[in-house]
Every structure is written in structure tokens, then in C-alpha cells.
Amino acid sequence: MSPENNLKSIARRTGVSISTVSRVLNGKHEQYRISAKTVKRVMDEAKRIDYKPSILAQSLRTNKTYTIGLLIPSIDNPYFATIASEIVFEAKRYGYTVILLDTLEDEGNESECINTLLTRSIDGIILVPCGERPESLEKIDEQTPIVLIDRYFEDTSLSYICTDNYRGALDGVKLLIENGHKEILCIRGVPHSMPSKERVKGYIDALRESGFDTRSRIAGNDYSITNGYLETKLAIGCPARPTAIFALSNTIMLGAIRAIGESSLRIPDDVSILSFDNNLFLDFLHPAVTRISQPTKEISQLAVKILMERLSDKQSVPQQIKLPAQIIEGKSVKRL
């Protein structure tokens, strides 16, 4: 039996229109305000007959492939792994499949990945950008909608959803200062990325507001464990050892913790730790890490929602949203 006949069969047996069946099976019941009772009746019948839609038939009929691309810079980074999982889940609710690609924090790889997706006629792209300029992405966005997450560009026409990194860092470093810390090392990520820029700015402004601007210490150049490890090794080997380390990602933090442990120092007795990004495992470290949590679930939901709106109306106004971060206090910051 062909997919069309299956739709007709489901419609006939459930007593609803073919268009209603199609909308339910494509995950558009909320958009068209179809009742929960009708949704259940249609889904139960589809399950009973083991209905499997033809993606090719849908593509030819709607000019859509019902696939979106997701590009992230490092799949082994717990933060990006969480984002990817949540976007896959959210896209599925709209009836979309996600093709996930790792750009390895390289602009050339990013370009190759985008070209690969475009040859597969994907409907849209959600992207953590690696480059410093938006022009090439803005050109692609004219034909294939793009939504940026985590990072963005100033003065861009692209939609983006990200955390208020500046405010999160400002509040986090103020917490360190309130606990008596003046010698605070900031280990940053990729210098040109917007999150790194904004977090460093928040760090500097927190010190300046407290009269400690001459004490700023900034090191590092990527979001890797190795970066956190090496910069911490160098810092704690100096006569003027920092009393606290502000790691701009969980991966940087893990490297810092390793370096501190190897040097027979203890957290927080000898060195306090504050990390940007949240993850469940941070509560199981000893001690539990104080961190600045990003709203990954909300970022993922909004990114998919905005992309779906773009796919429905390519003339829609760009949405550029920053969401607040939240400080979660563990036991890794000592009061001096």
C-alpha cells in the first residue's frame, strides 16, 4: 500500500480529514491546534498499521527533506554534546531529522560541512560558528535559513540564541571577589569567539568595579582540557600564585583540576575554582564545583522554534536573543 493510501486509510478509520492525519504525523498538531484526543486516535491507528511515511514522497510533494543540519565545534565538549542532544529531541517533535557534524573548531571544516549539507538539500541549519565574520553565512541564509547558537556576530542579520555571557561572568567574578579573592586567573577559550570575548570583558569589569583592575591575569587560547592544564601549571608555578581560577568552560576547568591535583594542592583550600558551563557531573566532583550555568534547554528549544518559523516564512524578522545565566554554588570557592 502506498503512503498516500495509508494516509487515506488512517483518515477513513479515524473519521478525520487526510490533511489532519498528515499534520499529526508530521508533528504539526500544536501549530494547527488539533486536539489531544484526535492526535491520540490518529497515532494509535498509525501504530496499529505500522505506518511508515515515504520521505522521498514527502520531499517531492512539499519541496522539503525534513532534515536540518547541526554544526558544533567539538562533540567531545560536554556542553555541546548536551546542546546537540536537546536539539535532536526538539527537532523530532516537529518531524525533523538532524544531521550532526563536528567542525573541529575550524572555519575551513565549517565551510566544508555546510557544503556537504547543502548538497543533501537540507531545509535549514543550526550552527555554532567558528569564524570571525558573518558574510558567507548571511549569503547562505538568503536561500537556506540559518540560526546561530552559543556564539553570534555583532551587526549581523542572522538569528541567534545565546547566553548573556558578559553578565554571567561579571556576577561570577564578583562572587569570587566577595569571598576575598583578588588574585584571580582567567583562563579563556578561543580569543575571537563572542562567548570568550564577553566572559573576559565581564571578568575585567568585575575587577575594575572593585578597584582591582591592575590585578587582571588572562591566559589561554582554546576551550580544551589541555589549555586549562597547561595554563594552570604555569600559573601555580609562579611565586604570585592565584588564589582563584576562573575557567571559561568545563573542559578548561577539568584541565585546571588535574594540574592542581598533580601539584599536591587542594581545592578550595589552596586554589578556588569557578567554571563557566554546567553539567550534572560537577556535583559529583570533590568538591562540587561552583559554576555559571547556561540555559541549554531553552537555547535548544528557541533555536529549533525560530528555524521552524523561518522555514514557514523565509521573510520573517531575525530573532536575536540573549538568555540569563545562573550561578550554582558548590564547594570549590573558599572564603579568604
C-alpha atoms as a PDB file:
ATOM      1  CA  MET A   1       0.000   0.000   0.000  1.00  0.00           C
ATOM      2  CA  SER A   2       1.403   3.411  -0.951  1.00  0.00           C
ATOM      3  CA  PRO A   3       1.949   6.174   1.669  1.00  0.00           C
ATOM      4  CA  GLU A   4      -0.985   8.153   0.224  1.00  0.00           C
ATOM      5  CA  ASN A   5      -3.287   5.171   0.559  1.00  0.00           C
ATOM      6  CA  ASN A   6      -2.075   4.693   4.111  1.00  0.00           C
ATOM      7  CA  LEU A   7      -2.991   8.300   4.887  1.00  0.00           C
ATOM      8  CA  LYS A   8      -6.419   7.745   3.374  1.00  0.00           C
ATOM      9  CA  SER A   9      -6.807   4.534   5.342  1.00  0.00           C
ATOM     10  CA  ILE A  10      -5.937   6.261   8.614  1.00  0.00           C
ATOM     11  CA  ALA A  11      -8.285   9.147   7.796  1.00  0.00           C
ATOM     12  CA  ARG A  12     -11.151   6.766   6.969  1.00  0.00           C
ATOM     13  CA  ARG A  13     -10.714   4.651  10.101  1.00  0.00           C
ATOM     14  CA  THR A  14     -10.336   7.639  12.462  1.00  0.00           C
ATOM     15  CA  GLY A  15     -13.022   9.792  10.896  1.00  0.00           C
ATOM     16  CA  VAL A  16     -10.815  12.844  10.289  1.00  0.00           C
ATOM     17  CA  SER A  17      -9.530  14.528   7.122  1.00  0.00           C
ATOM     18  CA  ILE A  18      -6.376  13.456   5.283  1.00  0.00           C
ATOM     19  CA  SER A  19      -4.842  16.879   5.966  1.00  0.00           C
ATOM     20  CA  THR A  20      -5.427  16.414   9.708  1.00  0.00           C
ATOM     21  CA  VAL A  21      -3.764  12.990   9.593  1.00  0.00           C
ATOM     22  CA  SER A  22      -0.814  14.476   7.705  1.00  0.00           C
ATOM     23  CA  ARG A  23      -0.400  17.310  10.211  1.00  0.00           C
ATOM     24  CA  VAL A  24      -0.489  14.951  13.178  1.00  0.00           C
ATOM     25  CA  LEU A  25       2.044  12.548  11.645  1.00  0.00           C
ATOM     26  CA  ASN A  26       4.329  15.453  10.729  1.00  0.00           C
ATOM     27  CA  GLY A  27       4.295  16.770  14.297  1.00  0.00           C
ATOM     28  CA  LYS A  28       2.301  19.906  13.458  1.00  0.00           C
ATOM     29  CA  HIS A  29      -0.690  19.238  15.716  1.00  0.00           C
ATOM     30  CA  GLU A  30       0.192  22.120  18.065  1.00  0.00           C
ATOM     31  CA  GLN A  31       0.605  24.544  15.186  1.00  0.00           C
ATOM     32  CA  TYR A  32      -2.874  23.684  13.867  1.00  0.00           C
ATOM     33  CA  ARG A  33      -4.424  23.286  17.337  1.00  0.00           C
ATOM     34  CA  ILE A  34      -5.504  19.703  16.823  1.00  0.00           C
ATOM     35  CA  SER A  35      -6.999  18.219  19.979  1.00  0.00           C
ATOM     36  CA  ALA A  36      -5.108  15.700  22.072  1.00  0.00           C
ATOM     37  CA  LYS A  37      -7.954  13.229  21.601  1.00  0.00           C
ATOM     38  CA  THR A  38      -7.648  13.411  17.804  1.00  0.00           C
ATOM     39  CA  VAL A  39      -3.857  13.163  17.963  1.00  0.00           C
ATOM     40  CA  LYS A  40      -4.097  10.008  20.061  1.00  0.00           C
ATOM     41  CA  ARG A  41      -6.683   8.444  17.737  1.00  0.00           C
ATOM     42  CA  VAL A  42      -4.525   9.115  14.658  1.00  0.00           C
ATOM     43  CA  MET A  43      -1.279   7.966  16.300  1.00  0.00           C
ATOM     44  CA  ASP A  44      -2.869   4.783  17.636  1.00  0.00           C
ATOM     45  CA  GLU A  45      -4.153   3.871  14.170  1.00  0.00           C
ATOM     46  CA  ALA A  46      -0.800   4.698  12.558  1.00  0.00           C
ATOM     47  CA  LYS A  47       0.930   2.444  15.069  1.00  0.00           C
ATOM     48  CA  ARG A  48      -1.610  -0.336  14.512  1.00  0.00           C
ATOM     49  CA  ILE A  49      -0.969  -0.483  10.746  1.00  0.00           C
ATOM     50  CA  ASP A  50       2.791   0.143  11.225  1.00  0.00           C
ATOM     51  CA  TYR A  51       2.635   3.298   9.094  1.00  0.00           C
ATOM     52  CA  LYS A  52       5.986   4.429   7.690  1.00  0.00           C
ATOM     53  CA  PRO A  53       5.971   7.665   5.663  1.00  0.00           C
ATOM     54  CA  SER A  54       7.939   7.913   2.440  1.00  0.00           C
ATOM     55  CA  ILE A  55      10.499  10.677   2.888  1.00  0.00           C
ATOM     56  CA  LEU A  56      11.022  10.843  -0.880  1.00  0.00           C
ATOM     57  CA  ALA A  57       7.283  11.238  -1.500  1.00  0.00           C
ATOM     58  CA  GLN A  58       7.087  13.967   1.155  1.00  0.00           C
ATOM     59  CA  SER A  59      10.067  15.774  -0.349  1.00  0.00           C
ATOM     60  CA  LEU A  60       8.595  15.733  -3.861  1.00  0.00           C
ATOM     61  CA  ARG A  61       5.206  16.865  -2.592  1.00  0.00           C
ATOM     62  CA  THR A  62       6.343  19.622  -0.196  1.00  0.00           C
ATOM     63  CA  ASN A  63       9.788  20.554  -1.579  1.00  0.00           C
ATOM     64  CA  LYS A  64      11.185  19.716   1.864  1.00  0.00           C
ATOM     65  CA  THR A  65      13.508  16.948   3.036  1.00  0.00           C
ATOM     66  CA  TYR A  66      12.501  17.278   6.701  1.00  0.00           C
ATOM     67  CA  THR A  67      16.160  17.301   7.702  1.00  0.00           C
ATOM     68  CA  ILE A  68      18.204  20.064   9.319  1.00  0.00           C
ATOM     69  CA  GLY A  69      21.931  20.348   9.827  1.00  0.00           C
ATOM     70  CA  LEU A  70      23.553  20.940  13.211  1.00  0.00           C
ATOM     71  CA  LEU A  71      27.178  22.086  13.271  1.00  0.00           C
ATOM     72  CA  ILE A  72      29.090  22.210  16.548  1.00  0.00           C
ATOM     73  CA  PRO A  73      32.815  22.824  17.123  1.00  0.00           C
ATOM     74  CA  SER A  74      33.596  19.905  19.428  1.00  0.00           C
ATOM     75  CA  ILE A  75      31.347  16.912  20.070  1.00  0.00           C
ATOM     76  CA  ASP A  76      33.549  15.777  22.984  1.00  0.00           C
ATOM     77  CA  ASN A  77      32.810  19.020  24.858  1.00  0.00           C
ATOM     78  CA  PRO A  78      30.049  18.136  27.378  1.00  0.00           C
ATOM     79  CA  TYR A  79      28.323  21.480  26.815  1.00  0.00           C
ATOM     80  CA  PHE A  80      27.996  20.973  23.059  1.00  0.00           C
ATOM     81  CA  ALA A  81      27.071  17.318  23.490  1.00  0.00           C
ATOM     82  CA  THR A  82      24.179  18.403  25.715  1.00  0.00           C
ATOM     83  CA  ILE A  83      23.087  21.066  23.217  1.00  0.00           C
ATOM     84  CA  ALA A  84      23.180  18.512  20.378  1.00  0.00           C
ATOM     85  CA  SER A  85      21.075  16.001  22.297  1.00  0.00           C
ATOM     86  CA  GLU A  86      18.455  18.600  23.177  1.00  0.00           C
ATOM     87  CA  ILE A  87      18.229  19.929  19.613  1.00  0.00           C
ATOM     88  CA  VAL A  88      17.801  16.406  18.208  1.00  0.00           C
ATOM     89  CA  PHE A  89      14.977  15.827  20.700  1.00  0.00           C
ATOM     90  CA  GLU A  90      13.299  19.145  19.932  1.00  0.00           C
ATOM     91  CA  ALA A  91      13.582  18.764  16.142  1.00  0.00           C
ATOM     92  CA  LYS A  92      11.975  15.335  16.365  1.00  0.00           C
ATOM     93  CA  ARG A  93       8.876  16.961  17.861  1.00  0.00           C
ATOM     94  CA  TYR A  94       8.484  18.879  14.587  1.00  0.00           C
ATOM     95  CA  GLY A  95       9.023  15.769  12.497  1.00  0.00           C
ATOM     96  CA  TYR A  96      12.593  16.659  11.518  1.00  0.00           C
ATOM     97  CA  THR A  97      15.753  14.557  11.446  1.00  0.00           C
ATOM     98  CA  VAL A  98      19.075  16.157  12.433  1.00  0.00           C
ATOM     99  CA  ILE A  99      22.376  15.609  10.631  1.00  0.00           C
ATOM    100  CA  LEU A 100      25.126  16.343  13.172  1.00  0.00           C
ATOM    101  CA  LEU A 101      28.591  17.426  12.041  1.00  0.00           C
ATOM    102  CA  ASP A 102      31.676  18.366  14.086  1.00  0.00           C
ATOM    103  CA  THR A 103      33.599  21.341  12.648  1.00  0.00           C
ATOM    104  CA  LEU A 104      36.573  20.732  14.989  1.00  0.00           C
ATOM    105  CA  GLU A 105      36.689  24.472  15.790  1.00  0.00           C
ATOM    106  CA  ASP A 106      37.979  25.181  12.283  1.00  0.00           C
ATOM    107  CA  GLU A 107      36.435  27.646   9.820  1.00  0.00           C
ATOM    108  CA  GLY A 108      37.618  25.647   6.809  1.00  0.00           C
ATOM    109  CA  ASN A 109      35.980  22.498   8.150  1.00  0.00           C
ATOM    110  CA  GLU A 110      32.854  24.515   8.877  1.00  0.00           C
ATOM    111  CA  SER A 111      32.641  25.598   5.236  1.00  0.00           C
ATOM    112  CA  GLU A 112      33.104  22.016   4.018  1.00  0.00           C
ATOM    113  CA  CYS A 113      30.425  20.759   6.411  1.00  0.00           C
ATOM    114  CA  ILE A 114      27.944  23.389   5.221  1.00  0.00           C
ATOM    115  CA  ASN A 115      28.600  22.495   1.584  1.00  0.00           C
ATOM    116  CA  THR A 116      28.020  18.822   2.415  1.00  0.00           C
ATOM    117  CA  LEU A 117      24.674  19.684   3.995  1.00  0.00           C
ATOM    118  CA  LEU A 118      23.611  21.874   1.072  1.00  0.00           C
ATOM    119  CA  THR A 119      24.287  19.052  -1.407  1.00  0.00           C
ATOM    120  CA  ARG A 120      21.835  16.955   0.617  1.00  0.00           C
ATOM    121  CA  SER A 121      19.178  19.661   0.236  1.00  0.00           C
ATOM    122  CA  ILE A 122      18.679  20.065   3.968  1.00  0.00           C
ATOM    123  CA  ASP A 123      15.933  22.532   4.917  1.00  0.00           C
ATOM    124  CA  GLY A 124      17.865  24.634   7.438  1.00  0.00           C
ATOM    125  CA  ILE A 125      20.962  24.859   9.615  1.00  0.00           C
ATOM    126  CA  ILE A 126      21.611  25.405  13.326  1.00  0.00           C
ATOM    127  CA  LEU A 127      25.205  26.414  13.807  1.00  0.00           C
ATOM    128  CA  VAL A 128      27.845  27.281  16.409  1.00  0.00           C
ATOM    129  CA  PRO A 129      30.069  29.443  14.170  1.00  0.00           C
ATOM    130  CA  CYS A 130      33.870  29.152  14.186  1.00  0.00           C
ATOM    131  CA  GLY A 131      34.767  32.153  12.034  1.00  0.00           C
ATOM    132  CA  GLU A 132      35.195  35.824  12.819  1.00  0.00           C
ATOM    133  CA  ARG A 133      32.921  37.284  10.128  1.00  0.00           C
ATOM    134  CA  PRO A 134      29.308  36.547   9.152  1.00  0.00           C
ATOM    135  CA  GLU A 135      29.196  37.447   5.441  1.00  0.00           C
ATOM    136  CA  SER A 136      29.433  33.946   3.982  1.00  0.00           C
ATOM    137  CA  LEU A 137      26.788  32.637   6.385  1.00  0.00           C
ATOM    138  CA  GLU A 138      24.497  35.580   5.660  1.00  0.00           C
ATOM    139  CA  LYS A 139      24.695  34.776   1.948  1.00  0.00           C
ATOM    140  CA  ILE A 140      23.730  31.138   2.560  1.00  0.00           C
ATOM    141  CA  ASP A 141      20.924  32.289   4.861  1.00  0.00           C
ATOM    142  CA  GLU A 142      19.249  34.019   1.902  1.00  0.00           C
ATOM    143  CA  GLN A 143      18.411  30.575   0.478  1.00  0.00           C
ATOM    144  CA  THR A 144      18.765  28.144   3.385  1.00  0.00           C
ATOM    145  CA  PRO A 145      17.742  29.516   6.805  1.00  0.00           C
ATOM    146  CA  ILE A 146      20.450  29.602   9.478  1.00  0.00           C
ATOM    147  CA  VAL A 147      20.089  30.049  13.235  1.00  0.00           C
ATOM    148  CA  LEU A 148      23.216  30.605  15.331  1.00  0.00           C
ATOM    149  CA  ILE A 149      23.524  29.242  18.862  1.00  0.00           C
ATOM    150  CA  ASP A 150      26.047  29.893  21.647  1.00  0.00           C
ATOM    151  CA  ARG A 151      28.026  32.360  19.508  1.00  0.00           C
ATOM    152  CA  TYR A 152      26.971  35.287  17.358  1.00  0.00           C
ATOM    153  CA  PHE A 153      28.316  38.214  15.361  1.00  0.00           C
ATOM    154  CA  GLU A 154      27.833  41.898  16.023  1.00  0.00           C
ATOM    155  CA  ASP A 155      25.783  43.796  13.424  1.00  0.00           C
ATOM    156  CA  THR A 156      24.527  40.664  11.673  1.00  0.00           C
ATOM    157  CA  SER A 157      21.215  39.864  10.002  1.00  0.00           C
ATOM    158  CA  LEU A 158      21.408  36.258  11.243  1.00  0.00           C
ATOM    159  CA  SER A 159      19.139  34.983  14.007  1.00  0.00           C
ATOM    160  CA  TYR A 160      20.908  33.819  17.150  1.00  0.00           C
ATOM    161  CA  ILE A 161      20.183  32.418  20.604  1.00  0.00           C
ATOM    162  CA  CYS A 162      22.893  32.610  23.251  1.00  0.00           C
ATOM    163  CA  THR A 163      23.621  33.196  26.915  1.00  0.00           C
ATOM    164  CA  ASP A 164      24.300  36.628  28.368  1.00  0.00           C
ATOM    165  CA  ASN A 165      27.942  35.678  28.802  1.00  0.00           C
ATOM    166  CA  TYR A 166      29.018  39.124  29.956  1.00  0.00           C
ATOM    167  CA  ARG A 167      26.548  39.307  32.836  1.00  0.00           C
ATOM    168  CA  GLY A 168      27.207  35.703  33.837  1.00  0.00           C
ATOM    169  CA  ALA A 169      30.966  36.304  34.042  1.00  0.00           C
ATOM    170  CA  LEU A 170      30.538  39.650  35.808  1.00  0.00           C
ATOM    171  CA  ASP A 171      28.358  38.118  38.522  1.00  0.00           C
ATOM    172  CA  GLY A 172      30.586  35.041  38.862  1.00  0.00           C
ATOM    173  CA  VAL A 173      33.807  37.025  39.347  1.00  0.00           C
ATOM    174  CA  LYS A 174      32.027  39.353  41.780  1.00  0.00           C
ATOM    175  CA  LEU A 175      31.224  36.233  43.819  1.00  0.00           C
ATOM    176  CA  LEU A 176      34.946  35.422  43.953  1.00  0.00           C
ATOM    177  CA  ILE A 177      35.763  38.985  44.994  1.00  0.00           C
ATOM    178  CA  GLU A 178      33.056  38.939  47.674  1.00  0.00           C
ATOM    179  CA  ASN A 179      34.806  35.867  49.080  1.00  0.00           C
ATOM    180  CA  GLY A 180      38.042  37.825  49.418  1.00  0.00           C
ATOM    181  CA  HIS A 181      39.815  36.838  46.200  1.00  0.00           C
ATOM    182  CA  LYS A 182      41.954  39.474  44.456  1.00  0.00           C
ATOM    183  CA  GLU A 183      44.440  37.298  42.548  1.00  0.00           C
ATOM    184  CA  ILE A 184      42.099  35.649  40.031  1.00  0.00           C
ATOM    185  CA  LEU A 185      43.439  33.942  36.911  1.00  0.00           C
ATOM    186  CA  CYS A 186      41.061  33.903  33.934  1.00  0.00           C
ATOM    187  CA  ILE A 187      41.710  31.020  31.516  1.00  0.00           C
ATOM    188  CA  ARG A 188      39.850  31.849  28.323  1.00  0.00           C
ATOM    189  CA  GLY A 189      38.719  29.888  25.282  1.00  0.00           C
ATOM    190  CA  VAL A 190      39.100  30.780  21.584  1.00  0.00           C
ATOM    191  CA  PRO A 191      40.018  34.503  21.792  1.00  0.00           C
ATOM    192  CA  HIS A 192      37.899  35.688  18.832  1.00  0.00           C
ATOM    193  CA  SER A 193      34.731  33.798  19.797  1.00  0.00           C
ATOM    194  CA  MET A 194      31.989  36.015  21.178  1.00  0.00           C
ATOM    195  CA  PRO A 195      31.441  33.990  24.403  1.00  0.00           C
ATOM    196  CA  SER A 196      35.153  34.225  25.228  1.00  0.00           C
ATOM    197  CA  LYS A 197      35.239  37.964  24.488  1.00  0.00           C
ATOM    198  CA  GLU A 198      32.167  38.678  26.618  1.00  0.00           C
ATOM    199  CA  ARG A 199      33.274  36.495  29.526  1.00  0.00           C
ATOM    200  CA  VAL A 200      36.701  38.146  29.570  1.00  0.00           C
ATOM    201  CA  LYS A 201      35.036  41.567  29.487  1.00  0.00           C
ATOM    202  CA  GLY A 202      32.816  40.569  32.422  1.00  0.00           C
ATOM    203  CA  TYR A 203      35.903  39.396  34.328  1.00  0.00           C
ATOM    204  CA  ILE A 204      37.768  42.656  33.684  1.00  0.00           C
ATOM    205  CA  ASP A 205      34.788  44.865  34.569  1.00  0.00           C
ATOM    206  CA  ALA A 206      34.181  42.962  37.831  1.00  0.00           C
ATOM    207  CA  LEU A 207      37.782  43.602  38.849  1.00  0.00           C
ATOM    208  CA  ARG A 208      37.582  47.251  37.754  1.00  0.00           C
ATOM    209  CA  GLU A 209      34.395  47.876  39.719  1.00  0.00           C
ATOM    210  CA  SER A 210      36.140  46.546  42.829  1.00  0.00           C
ATOM    211  CA  GLY A 211      39.314  48.569  42.243  1.00  0.00           C
ATOM    212  CA  PHE A 212      41.400  45.533  41.264  1.00  0.00           C
ATOM    213  CA  ASP A 213      41.723  46.197  37.523  1.00  0.00           C
ATOM    214  CA  THR A 214      45.539  46.202  37.675  1.00  0.00           C
ATOM    215  CA  ARG A 215      45.415  42.620  39.006  1.00  0.00           C
ATOM    216  CA  SER A 216      43.782  41.069  35.916  1.00  0.00           C
ATOM    217  CA  ARG A 217      45.530  37.933  34.609  1.00  0.00           C
ATOM    218  CA  ILE A 218      44.269  36.415  31.358  1.00  0.00           C
ATOM    219  CA  ALA A 219      45.765  33.346  29.688  1.00  0.00           C
ATOM    220  CA  GLY A 220      44.826  30.581  27.248  1.00  0.00           C
ATOM    221  CA  ASN A 221      43.584  30.331  23.673  1.00  0.00           C
ATOM    222  CA  ASP A 222      41.061  27.490  23.310  1.00  0.00           C
ATOM    223  CA  TYR A 223      38.362  25.514  25.127  1.00  0.00           C
ATOM    224  CA  SER A 224      40.403  22.331  25.559  1.00  0.00           C
ATOM    225  CA  ILE A 225      41.354  20.362  28.665  1.00  0.00           C
ATOM    226  CA  THR A 226      44.990  20.740  27.613  1.00  0.00           C
ATOM    227  CA  ASN A 227      44.687  24.526  27.615  1.00  0.00           C
ATOM    228  CA  GLY A 228      43.311  24.512  31.159  1.00  0.00           C
ATOM    229  CA  TYR A 229      46.011  22.103  32.305  1.00  0.00           C
ATOM    230  CA  LEU A 230      48.997  23.952  30.828  1.00  0.00           C
ATOM    231  CA  GLU A 231      47.908  27.445  31.875  1.00  0.00           C
ATOM    232  CA  THR A 232      47.178  26.282  35.412  1.00  0.00           C
ATOM    233  CA  LYS A 233      50.574  24.529  35.630  1.00  0.00           C
ATOM    234  CA  LEU A 234      52.288  27.760  34.603  1.00  0.00           C
ATOM    235  CA  ALA A 235      50.239  29.907  36.984  1.00  0.00           C
ATOM    236  CA  ILE A 236      50.625  27.808  40.146  1.00  0.00           C
ATOM    237  CA  GLY A 237      54.353  27.500  39.484  1.00  0.00           C
ATOM    238  CA  CYS A 238      54.787  31.273  39.766  1.00  0.00           C
ATOM    239  CA  PRO A 239      55.684  32.997  43.052  1.00  0.00           C
ATOM    240  CA  ALA A 240      52.467  35.047  42.836  1.00  0.00           C
ATOM    241  CA  ARG A 241      50.131  32.035  42.698  1.00  0.00           C
ATOM    242  CA  PRO A 242      46.475  32.908  42.033  1.00  0.00           C
ATOM    243  CA  THR A 243      44.061  32.271  44.886  1.00  0.00           C
ATOM    244  CA  ALA A 244      41.270  31.511  42.392  1.00  0.00           C
ATOM    245  CA  ILE A 245      40.921  30.353  38.792  1.00  0.00           C
ATOM    246  CA  PHE A 246      38.032  31.386  36.555  1.00  0.00           C
ATOM    247  CA  ALA A 247      37.799  28.695  33.836  1.00  0.00           C
ATOM    248  CA  LEU A 248      35.735  29.838  30.852  1.00  0.00           C
ATOM    249  CA  SER A 249      34.440  26.297  30.142  1.00  0.00           C
ATOM    250  CA  ASN A 250      34.043  22.928  31.822  1.00  0.00           C
ATOM    251  CA  THR A 251      36.762  21.446  29.655  1.00  0.00           C
ATOM    252  CA  ILE A 252      39.228  24.161  30.706  1.00  0.00           C
ATOM    253  CA  MET A 253      38.162  23.532  34.311  1.00  0.00           C
ATOM    254  CA  LEU A 254      38.934  19.787  34.061  1.00  0.00           C
ATOM    255  CA  GLY A 255      42.469  20.565  32.914  1.00  0.00           C
ATOM    256  CA  ALA A 256      42.891  23.042  35.763  1.00  0.00           C
ATOM    257  CA  ILE A 257      41.727  20.482  38.341  1.00  0.00           C
ATOM    258  CA  ARG A 258      44.214  17.932  37.023  1.00  0.00           C
ATOM    259  CA  ALA A 259      47.083  20.427  37.214  1.00  0.00           C
ATOM    260  CA  ILE A 260      46.157  21.459  40.758  1.00  0.00           C
ATOM    261  CA  GLY A 261      45.980  17.833  41.901  1.00  0.00           C
ATOM    262  CA  GLU A 262      49.360  16.980  40.362  1.00  0.00           C
ATOM    263  CA  SER A 263      50.922  19.886  42.256  1.00  0.00           C
ATOM    264  CA  SER A 264      49.709  18.489  45.601  1.00  0.00           C
ATOM    265  CA  LEU A 265      47.437  21.478  46.082  1.00  0.00           C
ATOM    266  CA  ARG A 266      43.844  21.229  47.232  1.00  0.00           C
ATOM    267  CA  ILE A 267      40.595  22.809  46.057  1.00  0.00           C
ATOM    268  CA  PRO A 268      39.461  25.131  47.602  1.00  0.00           C
ATOM    269  CA  ASP A 269      42.000  25.275  50.464  1.00  0.00           C
ATOM    270  CA  ASP A 270      44.895  26.286  48.207  1.00  0.00           C
ATOM    271  CA  VAL A 271      43.154  27.342  44.978  1.00  0.00           C
ATOM    272  CA  SER A 272      39.460  28.116  44.411  1.00  0.00           C
ATOM    273  CA  ILE A 273      37.720  27.194  41.149  1.00  0.00           C
ATOM    274  CA  LEU A 274      34.858  28.898  39.289  1.00  0.00           C
ATOM    275  CA  SER A 275      33.736  27.429  35.964  1.00  0.00           C
ATOM    276  CA  PHE A 276      31.514  28.630  33.151  1.00  0.00           C
ATOM    277  CA  ASP A 277      29.016  25.947  31.970  1.00  0.00           C
ATOM    278  CA  ASN A 278      27.038  23.436  33.968  1.00  0.00           C
ATOM    279  CA  ASN A 279      26.843  19.670  33.936  1.00  0.00           C
ATOM    280  CA  LEU A 280      25.478  17.075  36.341  1.00  0.00           C
ATOM    281  CA  PHE A 281      28.935  15.559  36.875  1.00  0.00           C
ATOM    282  CA  LEU A 282      30.132  18.763  38.570  1.00  0.00           C
ATOM    283  CA  ASP A 283      28.088  17.881  41.657  1.00  0.00           C
ATOM    284  CA  PHE A 284      29.923  14.555  41.907  1.00  0.00           C
ATOM    285  CA  LEU A 285      33.416  16.009  41.898  1.00  0.00           C
ATOM    286  CA  HIS A 286      35.141  16.548  45.222  1.00  0.00           C
ATOM    287  CA  PRO A 287      34.456  19.279  45.985  1.00  0.00           C
ATOM    288  CA  ALA A 288      31.347  20.087  43.935  1.00  0.00           C
ATOM    289  CA  VAL A 289      32.252  22.905  41.547  1.00  0.00           C
ATOM    290  CA  THR A 290      30.764  26.394  41.698  1.00  0.00           C
ATOM    291  CA  ARG A 291      29.720  27.278  38.148  1.00  0.00           C
ATOM    292  CA  ILE A 292      27.839  29.641  35.877  1.00  0.00           C
ATOM    293  CA  SER A 293      25.063  27.633  34.253  1.00  0.00           C
ATOM    294  CA  GLN A 294      23.784  28.271  30.726  1.00  0.00           C
ATOM    295  CA  PRO A 295      20.111  27.545  29.875  1.00  0.00           C
ATOM    296  CA  THR A 296      20.876  24.839  27.298  1.00  0.00           C
ATOM    297  CA  LYS A 297      17.317  23.505  27.136  1.00  0.00           C
ATOM    298  CA  GLU A 298      15.822  26.923  26.445  1.00  0.00           C
ATOM    299  CA  ILE A 299      18.549  27.729  23.899  1.00  0.00           C
ATOM    300  CA  SER A 300      17.809  24.477  22.056  1.00  0.00           C
ATOM    301  CA  GLN A 301      14.042  24.922  22.113  1.00  0.00           C
ATOM    302  CA  LEU A 302      14.212  28.507  20.859  1.00  0.00           C
ATOM    303  CA  ALA A 303      16.742  27.672  18.150  1.00  0.00           C
ATOM    304  CA  VAL A 304      14.535  24.934  16.684  1.00  0.00           C
ATOM    305  CA  LYS A 305      11.382  27.030  17.059  1.00  0.00           C
ATOM    306  CA  ILE A 306      12.920  30.019  15.272  1.00  0.00           C
ATOM    307  CA  LEU A 307      14.254  27.782  12.493  1.00  0.00           C
ATOM    308  CA  MET A 308      10.804  26.229  12.024  1.00  0.00           C
ATOM    309  CA  GLU A 309       9.309  29.713  11.776  1.00  0.00           C
ATOM    310  CA  ARG A 310      11.917  30.640   9.179  1.00  0.00           C
ATOM    311  CA  LEU A 311      11.068  27.536   7.178  1.00  0.00           C
ATOM    312  CA  SER A 312       7.410  28.555   7.217  1.00  0.00           C
ATOM    313  CA  ASP A 313       8.134  32.186   6.368  1.00  0.00           C
ATOM    314  CA  LYS A 314      11.564  32.983   4.936  1.00  0.00           C
ATOM    315  CA  GLN A 315      10.796  36.711   5.137  1.00  0.00           C
ATOM    316  CA  SER A 316      10.408  36.598   8.926  1.00  0.00           C
ATOM    317  CA  VAL A 317      12.330  39.134  11.012  1.00  0.00           C
ATOM    318  CA  PRO A 318      15.604  37.814  12.534  1.00  0.00           C
ATOM    319  CA  GLN A 319      15.359  36.889  16.199  1.00  0.00           C
ATOM    320  CA  GLN A 320      18.405  37.809  18.295  1.00  0.00           C
ATOM    321  CA  ILE A 321      18.041  36.691  21.897  1.00  0.00           C
ATOM    322  CA  LYS A 322      20.308  36.544  24.948  1.00  0.00           C
ATOM    323  CA  LEU A 323      19.180  34.439  27.907  1.00  0.00           C
ATOM    324  CA  PRO A 324      20.358  34.959  31.513  1.00  0.00           C
ATOM    325  CA  ALA A 325      22.941  32.679  33.116  1.00  0.00           C
ATOM    326  CA  GLN A 326      22.615  31.339  36.667  1.00  0.00           C
ATOM    327  CA  ILE A 327      25.266  30.848  39.338  1.00  0.00           C
ATOM    328  CA  ILE A 328      25.169  27.428  41.011  1.00  0.00           C
ATOM    329  CA  GLU A 329      27.275  27.421  44.165  1.00  0.00           C
ATOM    330  CA  GLY A 330      29.235  24.305  45.035  1.00  0.00           C
ATOM    331  CA  LYS A 331      32.102  23.930  47.474  1.00  0.00           C
ATOM    332  CA  SER A 332      35.022  24.926  45.247  1.00  0.00           C
ATOM    333  CA  VAL A 333      35.276  28.591  46.360  1.00  0.00           C
ATOM    334  CA  LYS A 334      36.928  29.354  49.692  1.00  0.00           C
ATOM    335  CA  ARG A 335      36.242  32.488  51.715  1.00  0.00           C
ATOM    336  CA  LEU A 336      39.600  34.154  52.496  1.00  0.00           C
END
